[in-house]
Every structure is written in structure tokens, then in C-alpha cells.
Amino acid sequence: MAIKLVIVSGTVFGAAEDVAHHAAQVLTAAGLNVSYKPRISYSELVALEPEALLFVTSTTGMGELPENLQPLVNALRDQPPQWAGLLGAVIGLGDACYGEDFCAGGEAIRELYAELGIVELQEMLRLDASETVTPESDAEPWLAELAACLAV
């Protein structure tokens, strides 16, 4: 039985959503049981009973999470599910021109994982908008590694 992976995305202009959608296709093709719903709510996410999470998020403002992801993250902090030991991974999108704030949204999700006891499977993928115009395909080697980590 394939592991149940839920993909969550937070985006400002749509790039993270595009990467998340592509990740869902790639990981489904690799044999994983993938659920992806843009703008998923806390209750929807918890009801899916994920065995693994993949957050795909951009960074906005002064290193904050996108507005569409903030309510979910706040709810996870306010009502933490019993996810200690759950597997997780993060794809952060940003622009290295912003220095310390580069992929800060992804770093915020890594902090959330630590608070919830979620175990990161591999190093966060940092997609730099100043270096690429094809973040979906740039993520494919990393996604292949993730699929291999989740294969049972």
C-alpha cells in the first residue's frame, strides 16, 4: 500500500501552486497516494490523515508566509494534530536578491514541522526565481529523491 502524501501550497502569484501541482503529478506517477487541494483548510487536512506532508510555499513581504497559507499554519499551531513522527518535506520558492529573507516561507514551515514533531526526510529544496524560469522541472530531481524516500 502506497504511503498517503498530502501536498499543501502557499502562493502569492501562483508559482508555488504550479510547482505543487507538478509535484502531485510526478509523485503520483512514482506510485505514491497523493492528495493535493490548493488552499486546503485545517479540517480538510487533518481529515485526510496524512502519513507524509509536502509543503510548497513562496515567501512574501519581509520573509512571511503567503496570506493564503497563514490561516492553516496558525490553526496547526493553535490546535496541533498528533503528528509526531509524521514524515515531511518542504519546497521553498523565493528570490536570492532578498538576502536573509530568501525562502523564509519555507524556513517557517520547517519551524512548524519541528514544533509538531514532523521528521524532515531531506534538505529543503530552494527554488530561486532570480536563477530559473522553470521551477516545476527544476524540482524534478529533488522530487525523485523524495519519492524514493517514501517508497515502501
N, C-alpha and C. Protein backbone atom coordinates (compact mmCIF):
# COMPACT_ATOMS: atom_id res chain seq x y z
N MET A 1 0.85 -1.19 0.00
CA MET A 1 0.00 0.00 0.00
C MET A 1 0.89 1.24 0.00
N ALA A 2 0.64 2.14 -0.92
CA ALA A 2 1.45 3.36 -1.05
C ALA A 2 1.17 4.31 0.12
N ILE A 3 2.21 5.01 0.52
CA ILE A 3 2.09 5.98 1.60
C ILE A 3 1.18 7.13 1.15
N LYS A 4 0.39 7.67 2.09
CA LYS A 4 -0.53 8.76 1.80
C LYS A 4 0.17 10.09 2.02
N LEU A 5 0.49 10.78 0.92
CA LEU A 5 1.18 12.05 0.93
C LEU A 5 0.19 13.16 0.63
N VAL A 6 0.17 14.17 1.48
CA VAL A 6 -0.67 15.34 1.23
C VAL A 6 0.24 16.52 0.92
N ILE A 7 -0.07 17.20 -0.19
CA ILE A 7 0.69 18.37 -0.60
C ILE A 7 -0.12 19.61 -0.26
N VAL A 8 0.56 20.58 0.36
CA VAL A 8 -0.05 21.84 0.76
C VAL A 8 0.75 22.95 0.09
N SER A 9 0.06 23.97 -0.44
CA SER A 9 0.80 25.06 -1.08
C SER A 9 0.36 26.41 -0.56
N GLY A 10 1.32 27.33 -0.57
CA GLY A 10 1.07 28.72 -0.23
C GLY A 10 1.72 29.57 -1.30
N THR A 11 0.94 30.46 -1.91
CA THR A 11 1.46 31.18 -3.05
C THR A 11 0.94 32.61 -3.09
N VAL A 12 1.69 33.47 -3.73
CA VAL A 12 1.27 34.85 -3.92
C VAL A 12 0.82 35.03 -5.37
N PHE A 13 1.70 34.71 -6.30
CA PHE A 13 1.41 34.91 -7.72
C PHE A 13 1.13 33.61 -8.48
N GLY A 14 1.14 32.46 -7.79
CA GLY A 14 0.78 31.21 -8.42
C GLY A 14 1.92 30.25 -8.69
N ALA A 15 3.17 30.68 -8.57
CA ALA A 15 4.29 29.79 -8.90
C ALA A 15 4.34 28.58 -7.96
N ALA A 16 4.13 28.79 -6.67
CA ALA A 16 4.19 27.67 -5.73
C ALA A 16 3.06 26.68 -6.00
N GLU A 17 1.90 27.20 -6.39
CA GLU A 17 0.78 26.32 -6.73
C GLU A 17 1.12 25.50 -7.98
N ASP A 18 1.77 26.13 -8.96
CA ASP A 18 2.19 25.41 -10.16
C ASP A 18 3.18 24.29 -9.81
N VAL A 19 4.14 24.60 -8.94
CA VAL A 19 5.13 23.60 -8.53
C VAL A 19 4.43 22.47 -7.76
N ALA A 20 3.49 22.82 -6.89
CA ALA A 20 2.77 21.81 -6.11
C ALA A 20 1.96 20.89 -7.02
N HIS A 21 1.29 21.47 -8.00
CA HIS A 21 0.50 20.67 -8.95
C HIS A 21 1.41 19.72 -9.72
N HIS A 22 2.54 20.22 -10.18
CA HIS A 22 3.50 19.38 -10.90
C HIS A 22 4.06 18.28 -9.99
N ALA A 23 4.35 18.65 -8.74
CA ALA A 23 4.84 17.66 -7.77
C ALA A 23 3.81 16.55 -7.57
N ALA A 24 2.54 16.92 -7.52
CA ALA A 24 1.48 15.91 -7.36
C ALA A 24 1.49 14.94 -8.54
N GLN A 25 1.67 15.46 -9.74
CA GLN A 25 1.72 14.60 -10.92
C GLN A 25 2.93 13.67 -10.89
N VAL A 26 4.09 14.24 -10.59
CA VAL A 26 5.34 13.46 -10.57
C VAL A 26 5.29 12.38 -9.50
N LEU A 27 4.83 12.73 -8.31
CA LEU A 27 4.82 11.78 -7.20
C LEU A 27 3.73 10.72 -7.36
N THR A 28 2.62 11.08 -7.98
CA THR A 28 1.59 10.09 -8.30
C THR A 28 2.13 9.09 -9.32
N ALA A 29 2.82 9.60 -10.34
CA ALA A 29 3.42 8.73 -11.36
C ALA A 29 4.46 7.80 -10.75
N ALA A 30 5.07 8.24 -9.63
CA ALA A 30 6.07 7.41 -8.95
C ALA A 30 5.43 6.37 -8.03
N GLY A 31 4.10 6.35 -8.01
CA GLY A 31 3.40 5.31 -7.25
C GLY A 31 2.91 5.69 -5.87
N LEU A 32 3.02 6.98 -5.53
CA LEU A 32 2.54 7.42 -4.21
C LEU A 32 1.06 7.76 -4.27
N ASN A 33 0.39 7.66 -3.14
CA ASN A 33 -1.01 8.03 -2.99
C ASN A 33 -1.03 9.50 -2.60
N VAL A 34 -1.22 10.39 -3.58
CA VAL A 34 -1.07 11.83 -3.38
C VAL A 34 -2.41 12.54 -3.37
N SER A 35 -2.56 13.45 -2.40
CA SER A 35 -3.72 14.35 -2.37
C SER A 35 -3.19 15.77 -2.43
N TYR A 36 -3.75 16.55 -3.33
CA TYR A 36 -3.39 17.96 -3.40
C TYR A 36 -4.63 18.78 -3.69
N LYS A 37 -4.92 19.69 -2.79
CA LYS A 37 -6.02 20.63 -2.98
C LYS A 37 -5.49 22.01 -2.64
N PRO A 38 -5.40 22.91 -3.63
CA PRO A 38 -4.96 24.26 -3.32
C PRO A 38 -5.86 24.88 -2.25
N ARG A 39 -5.27 25.61 -1.34
CA ARG A 39 -6.00 26.32 -0.28
C ARG A 39 -6.78 25.38 0.62
N ILE A 40 -6.16 24.29 1.01
CA ILE A 40 -6.79 23.32 1.89
C ILE A 40 -6.98 23.92 3.29
N SER A 41 -8.07 23.56 3.93
CA SER A 41 -8.33 24.06 5.28
C SER A 41 -7.74 23.10 6.32
N TYR A 42 -7.68 23.57 7.55
CA TYR A 42 -7.18 22.75 8.65
C TYR A 42 -7.99 21.46 8.77
N SER A 43 -9.32 21.59 8.79
CA SER A 43 -10.16 20.40 8.98
C SER A 43 -10.03 19.42 7.81
N GLU A 44 -9.90 19.95 6.60
CA GLU A 44 -9.71 19.08 5.44
C GLU A 44 -8.38 18.34 5.52
N LEU A 45 -7.33 19.06 5.92
CA LEU A 45 -6.00 18.46 6.01
C LEU A 45 -5.98 17.35 7.07
N VAL A 46 -6.49 17.64 8.24
CA VAL A 46 -6.49 16.65 9.32
C VAL A 46 -7.35 15.45 8.95
N ALA A 47 -8.47 15.68 8.28
CA ALA A 47 -9.36 14.58 7.88
C ALA A 47 -8.70 13.63 6.89
N LEU A 48 -7.74 14.12 6.12
CA LEU A 48 -7.05 13.26 5.15
C LEU A 48 -6.12 12.25 5.82
N GLU A 49 -5.81 12.46 7.10
CA GLU A 49 -4.92 11.58 7.86
C GLU A 49 -3.63 11.27 7.10
N PRO A 50 -2.86 12.31 6.81
CA PRO A 50 -1.63 12.11 6.03
C PRO A 50 -0.61 11.26 6.78
N GLU A 51 0.16 10.52 5.99
CA GLU A 51 1.32 9.79 6.52
C GLU A 51 2.60 10.57 6.23
N ALA A 52 2.48 11.52 5.29
CA ALA A 52 3.60 12.39 4.93
C ALA A 52 3.03 13.69 4.39
N LEU A 53 3.78 14.76 4.58
CA LEU A 53 3.39 16.09 4.11
C LEU A 53 4.47 16.68 3.22
N LEU A 54 4.05 17.38 2.20
CA LEU A 54 4.95 18.19 1.39
C LEU A 54 4.34 19.58 1.32
N PHE A 55 5.01 20.55 1.93
CA PHE A 55 4.58 21.95 1.82
C PHE A 55 5.41 22.59 0.72
N VAL A 56 4.72 23.31 -0.18
CA VAL A 56 5.35 24.07 -1.24
C VAL A 56 4.92 25.51 -1.03
N THR A 57 5.87 26.39 -0.70
CA THR A 57 5.49 27.76 -0.38
C THR A 57 6.46 28.79 -0.92
N SER A 58 5.88 29.89 -1.29
CA SER A 58 6.70 31.05 -1.64
C SER A 58 6.89 31.89 -0.39
N THR A 59 7.58 32.99 -0.54
CA THR A 59 7.84 33.93 0.56
C THR A 59 7.36 35.29 0.10
N THR A 60 6.77 36.04 1.03
CA THR A 60 6.25 37.36 0.68
C THR A 60 6.68 38.40 1.70
N GLY A 61 6.52 39.65 1.35
CA GLY A 61 6.81 40.74 2.28
C GLY A 61 8.23 40.67 2.81
N MET A 62 8.34 40.72 4.12
CA MET A 62 9.64 40.69 4.79
C MET A 62 9.94 39.28 5.29
N GLY A 63 9.72 38.30 4.42
CA GLY A 63 10.02 36.92 4.78
C GLY A 63 8.85 36.16 5.37
N GLU A 64 7.62 36.61 5.11
CA GLU A 64 6.45 35.94 5.67
C GLU A 64 5.91 34.87 4.72
N LEU A 65 5.05 34.04 5.31
CA LEU A 65 4.30 33.08 4.51
C LEU A 65 3.24 33.83 3.70
N PRO A 66 2.85 33.29 2.56
CA PRO A 66 1.76 33.91 1.79
C PRO A 66 0.47 33.96 2.61
N GLU A 67 -0.35 34.96 2.35
CA GLU A 67 -1.59 35.14 3.09
C GLU A 67 -2.49 33.91 3.04
N ASN A 68 -2.53 33.22 1.90
CA ASN A 68 -3.43 32.08 1.79
C ASN A 68 -2.99 30.88 2.63
N LEU A 69 -1.75 30.88 3.11
CA LEU A 69 -1.25 29.77 3.92
C LEU A 69 -1.28 30.09 5.42
N GLN A 70 -1.31 31.36 5.76
CA GLN A 70 -1.23 31.76 7.16
C GLN A 70 -2.34 31.19 8.04
N PRO A 71 -3.62 31.18 7.61
CA PRO A 71 -4.66 30.61 8.48
C PRO A 71 -4.43 29.13 8.81
N LEU A 72 -3.98 28.36 7.83
CA LEU A 72 -3.71 26.95 8.07
C LEU A 72 -2.57 26.76 9.06
N VAL A 73 -1.48 27.49 8.87
CA VAL A 73 -0.33 27.38 9.76
C VAL A 73 -0.72 27.81 11.18
N ASN A 74 -1.49 28.89 11.29
CA ASN A 74 -1.94 29.33 12.61
C ASN A 74 -2.81 28.27 13.28
N ALA A 75 -3.71 27.65 12.52
CA ALA A 75 -4.58 26.60 13.07
C ALA A 75 -3.76 25.39 13.51
N LEU A 76 -2.73 25.03 12.74
CA LEU A 76 -1.88 23.90 13.12
C LEU A 76 -1.14 24.19 14.43
N ARG A 77 -0.78 25.45 14.63
CA ARG A 77 -0.12 25.83 15.89
C ARG A 77 -1.12 25.88 17.05
N ASP A 78 -2.32 26.40 16.78
CA ASP A 78 -3.33 26.55 17.83
C ASP A 78 -3.95 25.22 18.25
N GLN A 79 -4.11 24.32 17.29
CA GLN A 79 -4.71 23.01 17.53
C GLN A 79 -3.80 21.94 16.93
N PRO A 80 -2.63 21.72 17.53
CA PRO A 80 -1.67 20.80 16.90
C PRO A 80 -2.20 19.36 16.84
N PRO A 81 -2.23 18.81 15.62
CA PRO A 81 -2.61 17.40 15.49
C PRO A 81 -1.52 16.50 16.08
N GLN A 82 -1.85 15.28 16.34
CA GLN A 82 -0.88 14.32 16.88
C GLN A 82 -0.05 13.76 15.71
N TRP A 83 0.89 14.57 15.25
CA TRP A 83 1.67 14.23 14.07
C TRP A 83 3.14 13.96 14.39
N ALA A 84 3.49 13.75 15.63
CA ALA A 84 4.88 13.45 15.98
C ALA A 84 5.32 12.21 15.21
N GLY A 85 6.43 12.31 14.52
CA GLY A 85 6.94 11.19 13.74
C GLY A 85 6.45 11.16 12.30
N LEU A 86 5.48 12.02 11.96
CA LEU A 86 5.00 12.11 10.58
C LEU A 86 6.16 12.54 9.70
N LEU A 87 6.19 12.08 8.47
CA LEU A 87 7.26 12.43 7.53
C LEU A 87 6.92 13.72 6.80
N GLY A 88 7.92 14.55 6.54
CA GLY A 88 7.66 15.81 5.87
C GLY A 88 8.80 16.26 4.98
N ALA A 89 8.45 17.15 4.07
CA ALA A 89 9.43 17.77 3.17
C ALA A 89 8.91 19.15 2.80
N VAL A 90 9.83 20.01 2.37
CA VAL A 90 9.48 21.40 2.06
C VAL A 90 10.16 21.83 0.77
N ILE A 91 9.39 22.49 -0.08
CA ILE A 91 9.94 23.20 -1.24
C ILE A 91 9.67 24.68 -0.99
N GLY A 92 10.74 25.47 -0.96
CA GLY A 92 10.61 26.91 -0.77
C GLY A 92 10.94 27.64 -2.05
N LEU A 93 10.10 28.59 -2.41
CA LEU A 93 10.35 29.43 -3.57
C LEU A 93 10.67 30.84 -3.09
N GLY A 94 11.62 31.46 -3.74
CA GLY A 94 12.00 32.81 -3.35
C GLY A 94 12.92 33.42 -4.37
N ASP A 95 13.50 34.53 -3.97
CA ASP A 95 14.43 35.25 -4.82
C ASP A 95 15.65 35.59 -3.97
N ALA A 96 16.80 35.06 -4.35
CA ALA A 96 18.01 35.24 -3.55
C ALA A 96 18.41 36.71 -3.42
N CYS A 97 17.87 37.57 -4.25
CA CYS A 97 18.16 39.00 -4.14
C CYS A 97 17.68 39.57 -2.82
N TYR A 98 16.77 38.86 -2.14
CA TYR A 98 16.23 39.34 -0.87
C TYR A 98 17.06 38.90 0.32
N GLY A 99 18.25 38.35 0.08
CA GLY A 99 19.20 38.04 1.15
C GLY A 99 18.65 37.10 2.21
N GLU A 100 18.61 37.57 3.45
CA GLU A 100 18.21 36.72 4.58
C GLU A 100 16.78 36.21 4.45
N ASP A 101 15.94 36.92 3.71
CA ASP A 101 14.55 36.51 3.56
C ASP A 101 14.35 35.47 2.45
N PHE A 102 15.43 35.09 1.76
CA PHE A 102 15.33 34.10 0.68
C PHE A 102 14.76 32.80 1.23
N CYS A 103 13.63 32.38 0.70
CA CYS A 103 12.93 31.15 1.09
C CYS A 103 12.56 31.12 2.58
N ALA A 104 12.33 32.30 3.16
CA ALA A 104 11.95 32.37 4.58
C ALA A 104 10.60 31.70 4.82
N GLY A 105 9.72 31.69 3.84
CA GLY A 105 8.45 30.99 3.98
C GLY A 105 8.68 29.50 4.20
N GLY A 106 9.59 28.93 3.45
CA GLY A 106 9.94 27.52 3.63
C GLY A 106 10.57 27.27 4.99
N GLU A 107 11.41 28.19 5.43
CA GLU A 107 12.02 28.05 6.76
C GLU A 107 10.95 28.10 7.85
N ALA A 108 9.91 28.92 7.65
CA ALA A 108 8.82 28.98 8.63
C ALA A 108 8.09 27.63 8.71
N ILE A 109 7.96 26.96 7.58
CA ILE A 109 7.32 25.64 7.59
C ILE A 109 8.22 24.63 8.28
N ARG A 110 9.53 24.73 8.08
CA ARG A 110 10.45 23.84 8.78
C ARG A 110 10.34 24.03 10.29
N GLU A 111 10.19 25.27 10.73
CA GLU A 111 9.99 25.54 12.16
C GLU A 111 8.68 24.92 12.65
N LEU A 112 7.63 25.03 11.84
CA LEU A 112 6.35 24.40 12.18
C LEU A 112 6.52 22.89 12.32
N TYR A 113 7.23 22.28 11.37
CA TYR A 113 7.49 20.84 11.45
C TYR A 113 8.15 20.49 12.77
N ALA A 114 9.16 21.27 13.17
CA ALA A 114 9.87 21.00 14.42
C ALA A 114 8.91 21.09 15.60
N GLU A 115 8.03 22.08 15.60
CA GLU A 115 7.05 22.23 16.68
C GLU A 115 6.09 21.04 16.75
N LEU A 116 5.72 20.50 15.59
CA LEU A 116 4.75 19.41 15.53
C LEU A 116 5.40 18.03 15.61
N GLY A 117 6.73 17.97 15.62
CA GLY A 117 7.41 16.69 15.67
C GLY A 117 7.47 15.97 14.34
N ILE A 118 7.29 16.71 13.25
CA ILE A 118 7.35 16.13 11.91
C ILE A 118 8.82 15.96 11.51
N VAL A 119 9.14 14.80 10.96
CA VAL A 119 10.52 14.45 10.61
C VAL A 119 10.77 14.81 9.14
N GLU A 120 11.71 15.73 8.92
CA GLU A 120 12.05 16.09 7.55
C GLU A 120 12.86 14.98 6.89
N LEU A 121 12.43 14.58 5.71
CA LEU A 121 13.07 13.48 5.00
C LEU A 121 14.34 13.90 4.25
N GLN A 122 14.39 15.13 3.81
CA GLN A 122 15.54 15.60 3.06
C GLN A 122 15.63 17.12 3.18
N GLU A 123 16.76 17.64 2.77
CA GLU A 123 17.01 19.09 2.81
C GLU A 123 15.93 19.82 2.02
N MET A 124 15.50 20.97 2.55
CA MET A 124 14.51 21.78 1.84
C MET A 124 15.05 22.16 0.46
N LEU A 125 14.21 22.04 -0.55
CA LEU A 125 14.56 22.49 -1.89
C LEU A 125 14.29 23.99 -1.97
N ARG A 126 15.29 24.75 -2.36
CA ARG A 126 15.17 26.20 -2.51
C ARG A 126 15.20 26.53 -4.00
N LEU A 127 14.08 27.02 -4.50
CA LEU A 127 13.99 27.40 -5.91
C LEU A 127 14.11 28.92 -6.01
N ASP A 128 15.12 29.37 -6.71
CA ASP A 128 15.46 30.79 -6.78
C ASP A 128 14.92 31.41 -8.07
N ALA A 129 13.96 32.33 -7.92
CA ALA A 129 13.34 32.97 -9.08
C ALA A 129 14.33 33.81 -9.88
N SER A 130 15.44 34.21 -9.25
CA SER A 130 16.43 35.01 -9.99
C SER A 130 17.32 34.13 -10.86
N GLU A 131 17.20 32.80 -10.70
CA GLU A 131 18.04 31.89 -11.48
C GLU A 131 17.27 30.98 -12.42
N THR A 132 15.96 30.88 -12.24
CA THR A 132 15.20 29.93 -13.05
C THR A 132 13.85 30.48 -13.46
N VAL A 133 13.41 30.05 -14.62
CA VAL A 133 12.05 30.36 -15.06
C VAL A 133 11.24 29.07 -15.19
N THR A 134 11.85 27.95 -14.80
CA THR A 134 11.20 26.64 -14.90
C THR A 134 11.24 25.91 -13.56
N PRO A 135 10.64 26.48 -12.50
CA PRO A 135 10.74 25.84 -11.19
C PRO A 135 10.13 24.44 -11.15
N GLU A 136 9.11 24.20 -11.96
CA GLU A 136 8.49 22.87 -11.94
C GLU A 136 9.49 21.79 -12.36
N SER A 137 10.15 22.00 -13.49
CA SER A 137 11.11 20.99 -13.96
C SER A 137 12.37 21.00 -13.10
N ASP A 138 12.74 22.15 -12.55
CA ASP A 138 13.91 22.21 -11.67
C ASP A 138 13.70 21.38 -10.41
N ALA A 139 12.46 21.19 -10.01
CA ALA A 139 12.15 20.42 -8.81
C ALA A 139 12.19 18.91 -9.04
N GLU A 140 12.19 18.47 -10.28
CA GLU A 140 12.04 17.04 -10.57
C GLU A 140 13.11 16.14 -9.95
N PRO A 141 14.41 16.47 -10.00
CA PRO A 141 15.39 15.58 -9.35
C PRO A 141 15.15 15.45 -7.85
N TRP A 142 14.81 16.55 -7.20
CA TRP A 142 14.52 16.54 -5.76
C TRP A 142 13.27 15.70 -5.49
N LEU A 143 12.26 15.85 -6.33
CA LEU A 143 11.03 15.06 -6.17
C LEU A 143 11.30 13.57 -6.36
N ALA A 144 12.19 13.23 -7.27
CA ALA A 144 12.56 11.82 -7.46
C ALA A 144 13.20 11.26 -6.19
N GLU A 145 14.05 12.07 -5.53
CA GLU A 145 14.65 11.64 -4.26
C GLU A 145 13.58 11.47 -3.20
N LEU A 146 12.62 12.40 -3.16
CA LEU A 146 11.54 12.31 -2.18
C LEU A 146 10.72 11.04 -2.41
N ALA A 147 10.41 10.75 -3.65
CA ALA A 147 9.64 9.55 -3.98
C ALA A 147 10.39 8.30 -3.51
N ALA A 148 11.69 8.28 -3.71
CA ALA A 148 12.50 7.14 -3.28
C ALA A 148 12.48 7.01 -1.75
N CYS A 149 12.53 8.14 -1.06
CA CYS A 149 12.48 8.11 0.42
C CYS A 149 11.14 7.58 0.93
N LEU A 150 10.08 7.86 0.20
CA LEU A 150 8.72 7.49 0.63
C LEU A 150 8.28 6.12 0.13
N ALA A 151 9.06 5.54 -0.77
CA ALA A 151 8.68 4.22 -1.31
C ALA A 151 8.72 3.18 -0.19
N VAL A 152 7.68 2.36 -0.16
CA VAL A 152 7.63 1.30 0.85
C VAL A 152 7.51 -0.05 0.21
